[in-house]
C-alpha atoms as a PDB file:
ATOM      1  CA  UNK A   1      30.741  55.517 -17.663  1.00  0.00           C
ATOM      2  CA  UNK A   2      30.084  53.820 -14.335  1.00  0.00           C
ATOM      3  CA  UNK A   3      32.269  50.962 -13.132  1.00  0.00           C
ATOM      4  CA  UNK A   4      29.223  48.669 -13.346  1.00  0.00           C
ATOM      5  CA  UNK A   5      28.947  49.397 -17.074  1.00  0.00           C
ATOM      6  CA  UNK A   6      32.598  48.975 -18.083  1.00  0.00           C
ATOM      7  CA  UNK A   7      32.874  46.001 -20.436  1.00  0.00           C
ATOM      8  CA  UNK A   8      29.189  45.164 -20.007  1.00  0.00           C
ATOM      9  CA  UNK A   9      27.266  43.503 -22.800  1.00  0.00           C
ATOM     10  CA  UNK A  10      24.422  45.390 -24.481  1.00  0.00           C
ATOM     11  CA  UNK A  11      21.992  42.859 -22.980  1.00  0.00           C
ATOM     12  CA  UNK A  12      23.224  43.594 -19.466  1.00  0.00           C
ATOM     13  CA  UNK A  13      22.944  47.349 -20.074  1.00  0.00           C
ATOM     14  CA  UNK A  14      19.383  47.015 -21.402  1.00  0.00           C
ATOM     15  CA  UNK A  15      18.476  44.944 -18.346  1.00  0.00           C
ATOM     16  CA  UNK A  16      20.087  47.427 -15.929  1.00  0.00           C
ATOM     17  CA  UNK A  17      18.397  50.414 -17.562  1.00  0.00           C
ATOM     18  CA  UNK A  18      15.008  48.680 -17.565  1.00  0.00           C
ATOM     19  CA  UNK A  19      15.422  47.834 -13.864  1.00  0.00           C
ATOM     20  CA  UNK A  20      16.530  51.390 -13.032  1.00  0.00           C
ATOM     21  CA  UNK A  21      13.480  52.777 -14.857  1.00  0.00           C
ATOM     22  CA  UNK A  22      11.027  50.314 -13.286  1.00  0.00           C
ATOM     23  CA  UNK A  23      12.263  51.031  -9.759  1.00  0.00           C
ATOM     24  CA  UNK A  24      12.227  54.811 -10.324  1.00  0.00           C
ATOM     25  CA  UNK A  25       8.688  54.745 -11.732  1.00  0.00           C
ATOM     26  CA  UNK A  26       7.508  52.421  -8.937  1.00  0.00           C
ATOM     27  CA  UNK A  27       8.791  54.864  -6.327  1.00  0.00           C
ATOM     28  CA  UNK A  28       7.474  57.932  -8.152  1.00  0.00           C
ATOM     29  CA  UNK A  29       3.907  56.678  -8.628  1.00  0.00           C
ATOM     30  CA  UNK A  30       3.574  54.888  -5.266  1.00  0.00           C
ATOM     31  CA  UNK A  31       2.182  58.041  -3.560  1.00  0.00           C
ATOM     32  CA  UNK A  32      -0.618  57.949  -6.152  1.00  0.00           C
ATOM     33  CA  UNK A  33      -1.433  54.345  -5.216  1.00  0.00           C
ATOM     34  CA  UNK A  34       0.049  52.859  -8.385  1.00  0.00           C
ATOM     35  CA  UNK A  35       2.814  50.430  -9.271  1.00  0.00           C
ATOM     36  CA  UNK A  36       4.961  50.631 -12.394  1.00  0.00           C
ATOM     37  CA  UNK A  37       2.879  47.896 -14.067  1.00  0.00           C
ATOM     38  CA  UNK A  38      -0.392  49.624 -13.167  1.00  0.00           C
ATOM     39  CA  UNK A  39       1.011  52.910 -14.434  1.00  0.00           C
ATOM     40  CA  UNK A  40       1.940  51.263 -17.754  1.00  0.00           C
ATOM     41  CA  UNK A  41      -1.625  50.064 -18.096  1.00  0.00           C
ATOM     42  CA  UNK A  42      -3.442  53.292 -17.135  1.00  0.00           C
ATOM     43  CA  UNK A  43      -1.078  55.545 -19.119  1.00  0.00           C
ATOM     44  CA  UNK A  44      -1.559  53.395 -22.235  1.00  0.00           C
ATOM     45  CA  UNK A  45      -5.310  53.297 -21.674  1.00  0.00           C
ATOM     46  CA  UNK A  46      -5.299  57.085 -21.211  1.00  0.00           C
ATOM     47  CA  UNK A  47      -3.603  57.572 -24.573  1.00  0.00           C
ATOM     48  CA  UNK A  48      -5.950  55.154 -26.307  1.00  0.00           C
ATOM     49  CA  UNK A  49      -9.038  56.783 -24.781  1.00  0.00           C
ATOM     50  CA  UNK A  50      -7.842  60.199 -25.951  1.00  0.00           C
ATOM     51  CA  UNK A  51      -8.074  58.918 -29.536  1.00  0.00           C
ATOM     52  CA  UNK A  52     -11.600  57.625 -28.916  1.00  0.00           C
ATOM     53  CA  UNK A  53     -10.671  53.977 -28.468  1.00  0.00           C
ATOM     54  CA  UNK A  54     -12.167  51.809 -25.734  1.00  0.00           C
ATOM     55  CA  UNK A  55      -9.807  48.850 -26.002  1.00  0.00           C
ATOM     56  CA  UNK A  56     -10.345  45.289 -24.946  1.00  0.00           C
ATOM     57  CA  UNK A  57      -8.043  43.771 -22.364  1.00  0.00           C
ATOM     58  CA  UNK A  58      -6.435  41.801 -25.197  1.00  0.00           C
ATOM     59  CA  UNK A  59      -5.821  44.939 -27.281  1.00  0.00           C
ATOM     60  CA  UNK A  60      -4.284  46.672 -24.255  1.00  0.00           C
ATOM     61  CA  UNK A  61      -2.086  43.622 -23.610  1.00  0.00           C
ATOM     62  CA  UNK A  62      -0.858  43.727 -27.208  1.00  0.00           C
ATOM     63  CA  UNK A  63      -0.226  47.477 -26.948  1.00  0.00           C
ATOM     64  CA  UNK A  64       1.748  47.289 -23.676  1.00  0.00           C
ATOM     65  CA  UNK A  65       3.570  44.013 -24.321  1.00  0.00           C
ATOM     66  CA  UNK A  66       2.175  42.578 -21.084  1.00  0.00           C
ATOM     67  CA  UNK A  67       0.698  39.086 -20.898  1.00  0.00           C
ATOM     68  CA  UNK A  68      -3.118  39.067 -21.284  1.00  0.00           C
ATOM     69  CA  UNK A  69      -3.558  37.219 -17.971  1.00  0.00           C
ATOM     70  CA  UNK A  70      -1.450  39.850 -16.194  1.00  0.00           C
ATOM     71  CA  UNK A  71      -3.451  42.679 -17.803  1.00  0.00           C
ATOM     72  CA  UNK A  72      -6.638  41.003 -16.548  1.00  0.00           C
ATOM     73  CA  UNK A  73      -5.217  40.827 -13.016  1.00  0.00           C
ATOM     74  CA  UNK A  74      -4.061  44.462 -13.135  1.00  0.00           C
ATOM     75  CA  UNK A  75      -7.420  45.586 -14.546  1.00  0.00           C
ATOM     76  CA  UNK A  76      -9.297  43.862 -11.720  1.00  0.00           C
ATOM     77  CA  UNK A  77      -7.112  45.543  -9.090  1.00  0.00           C
ATOM     78  CA  UNK A  78      -7.507  48.947 -10.778  1.00  0.00           C
ATOM     79  CA  UNK A  79     -11.266  48.383 -10.970  1.00  0.00           C
ATOM     80  CA  UNK A  80     -11.332  47.597  -7.231  1.00  0.00           C
ATOM     81  CA  UNK A  81      -9.455  50.849  -6.613  1.00  0.00           C
ATOM     82  CA  UNK A  82     -12.094  52.750  -8.601  1.00  0.00           C
ATOM     83  CA  UNK A  83      -9.674  53.771 -11.358  1.00  0.00           C
ATOM     84  CA  UNK A  84     -11.138  51.845 -14.276  1.00  0.00           C
ATOM     85  CA  UNK A  85     -14.280  50.149 -15.482  1.00  0.00           C
ATOM     86  CA  UNK A  86     -14.469  46.760 -17.108  1.00  0.00           C
ATOM     87  CA  UNK A  87     -17.481  46.050 -19.330  1.00  0.00           C
ATOM     88  CA  UNK A  88     -18.509  43.336 -21.767  1.00  0.00           C
ATOM     89  CA  UNK A  89     -17.865  44.279 -25.369  1.00  0.00           C
ATOM     90  CA  UNK A  90     -21.270  44.546 -27.098  1.00  0.00           C
ATOM     91  CA  UNK A  91     -19.708  43.160 -30.309  1.00  0.00           C
ATOM     92  CA  UNK A  92     -17.982  40.202 -28.620  1.00  0.00           C
ATOM     93  CA  UNK A  93     -19.413  38.860 -25.351  1.00  0.00           C
ATOM     94  CA  UNK A  94     -16.129  37.055 -24.612  1.00  0.00           C
ATOM     95  CA  UNK A  95     -14.140  40.305 -24.678  1.00  0.00           C
ATOM     96  CA  UNK A  96     -13.875  42.849 -21.870  1.00  0.00           C
ATOM     97  CA  UNK A  97     -13.525  46.543 -22.695  1.00  0.00           C
ATOM     98  CA  UNK A  98     -11.639  48.899 -20.391  1.00  0.00           C
ATOM     99  CA  UNK A  99     -12.119  52.587 -19.643  1.00  0.00           C
ATOM    100  CA  UNK A 100     -10.697  54.915 -17.018  1.00  0.00           C
ATOM    101  CA  UNK A 101     -13.145  56.367 -14.503  1.00  0.00           C
ATOM    102  CA  UNK A 102     -13.117  60.096 -13.668  1.00  0.00           C
ATOM    103  CA  UNK A 103     -10.872  59.290 -10.693  1.00  0.00           C
ATOM    104  CA  UNK A 104      -8.718  57.123 -12.944  1.00  0.00           C
ATOM    105  CA  UNK A 105      -8.318  59.959 -15.448  1.00  0.00           C
ATOM    106  CA  UNK A 106      -7.224  62.382 -12.724  1.00  0.00           C
ATOM    107  CA  UNK A 107      -4.804  59.903 -11.124  1.00  0.00           C
ATOM    108  CA  UNK A 108      -3.366  58.997 -14.524  1.00  0.00           C
ATOM    109  CA  UNK A 109      -2.836  62.648 -15.501  1.00  0.00           C
ATOM    110  CA  UNK A 110      -0.932  63.219 -12.259  1.00  0.00           C
ATOM    111  CA  UNK A 111       1.111  60.035 -12.750  1.00  0.00           C
ATOM    112  CA  UNK A 112       1.980  60.997 -16.332  1.00  0.00           C
ATOM    113  CA  UNK A 113       3.280  64.362 -15.093  1.00  0.00           C
ATOM    114  CA  UNK A 114       5.430  62.639 -12.450  1.00  0.00           C
ATOM    115  CA  UNK A 115       6.847  60.101 -14.921  1.00  0.00           C
ATOM    116  CA  UNK A 116       7.482  62.827 -17.507  1.00  0.00           C
ATOM    117  CA  UNK A 117       9.679  64.507 -14.885  1.00  0.00           C
ATOM    118  CA  UNK A 118      11.638  61.270 -14.470  1.00  0.00           C
ATOM    119  CA  UNK A 119      12.030  60.938 -18.230  1.00  0.00           C
ATOM    120  CA  UNK A 120      13.336  64.499 -18.425  1.00  0.00           C
ATOM    121  CA  UNK A 121      15.963  63.638 -15.790  1.00  0.00           C
ATOM    122  CA  UNK A 122      16.912  60.385 -17.513  1.00  0.00           C
ATOM    123  CA  UNK A 123      17.392  62.013 -20.918  1.00  0.00           C
ATOM    124  CA  UNK A 124      19.304  65.061 -19.678  1.00  0.00           C
ATOM    125  CA  UNK A 125      22.723  63.442 -20.406  1.00  0.00           C
ATOM    126  CA  UNK A 126      21.598  63.068 -24.047  1.00  0.00           C
ATOM    127  CA  UNK A 127      20.680  66.736 -24.294  1.00  0.00           C
ATOM    128  CA  UNK A 128      17.084  66.478 -23.141  1.00  0.00           C
ATOM    129  CA  UNK A 129      13.780  65.214 -24.399  1.00  0.00           C
ATOM    130  CA  UNK A 130      13.916  67.027 -27.755  1.00  0.00           C
ATOM    131  CA  UNK A 131      17.592  66.552 -28.600  1.00  0.00           C
ATOM    132  CA  UNK A 132      18.971  64.881 -31.721  1.00  0.00           C
ATOM    133  CA  UNK A 133      20.613  62.205 -29.542  1.00  0.00           C
ATOM    134  CA  UNK A 134      17.282  61.396 -27.895  1.00  0.00           C
ATOM    135  CA  UNK A 135      15.584  61.116 -31.295  1.00  0.00           C
ATOM    136  CA  UNK A 136      18.401  58.802 -32.414  1.00  0.00           C
ATOM    137  CA  UNK A 137      17.993  56.718 -29.248  1.00  0.00           C
ATOM    138  CA  UNK A 138      14.244  56.466 -29.924  1.00  0.00           C
ATOM    139  CA  UNK A 139      14.917  55.260 -33.482  1.00  0.00           C
ATOM    140  CA  UNK A 140      17.417  52.666 -32.240  1.00  0.00           C
ATOM    141  CA  UNK A 141      15.084  51.425 -29.506  1.00  0.00           C
ATOM    142  CA  UNK A 142      12.226  51.146 -32.014  1.00  0.00           C
ATOM    143  CA  UNK A 143      14.488  49.154 -34.338  1.00  0.00           C
ATOM    144  CA  UNK A 144      15.351  46.757 -31.499  1.00  0.00           C
ATOM    145  CA  UNK A 145      11.731  46.447 -30.368  1.00  0.00           C
ATOM    146  CA  UNK A 146      10.685  45.589 -33.928  1.00  0.00           C
ATOM    147  CA  UNK A 147      13.402  42.927 -34.329  1.00  0.00           C
ATOM    148  CA  UNK A 148      11.933  39.415 -34.074  1.00  0.00           C
ATOM    149  CA  UNK A 149      13.177  37.261 -31.216  1.00  0.00           C
ATOM    150  CA  UNK A 150      12.877  33.485 -31.225  1.00  0.00           C
ATOM    151  CA  UNK A 151      13.821  31.983 -27.851  1.00  0.00           C
ATOM    152  CA  UNK A 152      14.066  28.547 -29.490  1.00  0.00           C
ATOM    153  CA  UNK A 153      16.613  29.669 -32.082  1.00  0.00           C
ATOM    154  CA  UNK A 154      20.147  28.390 -31.482  1.00  0.00           C
ATOM    155  CA  UNK A 155      22.728  30.939 -30.355  1.00  0.00           C
ATOM    156  CA  UNK A 156      25.950  31.700 -32.205  1.00  0.00           C
ATOM    157  CA  UNK A 157      28.332  28.757 -32.441  1.00  0.00           C
END
């Protein structure tokens, strides 16, 4: 255990790990012209497109956990870079559907490979990507992500 982690609260450790991951992904995908946030968007869109879905910006925001306004901003910048297309939803003229372009698909595939390499490195201390400890970590993280949080709720007395 590192000296930074000794006696640390779970909240601090979650924050530190999320920052470590964000910085590592930012650096890894920068040569591809992406940021961590853009990567999160295109990788999610890639997965959704593979199942035949052409999601709205709102649906992608819900899927990624990003704010809808931020997804809109990211989508516009990715559209300017030629990586995705934004089009009016024929069923709802207020909604905007997103799809990766051919260049966006290629860039995203390369970025996914790079980030998969980072994930392999990160999970090595747990025995690797397919280890029992990693599966347990995934279950625990899912449990925490599914737990409701109410910022207005009073803390412990």
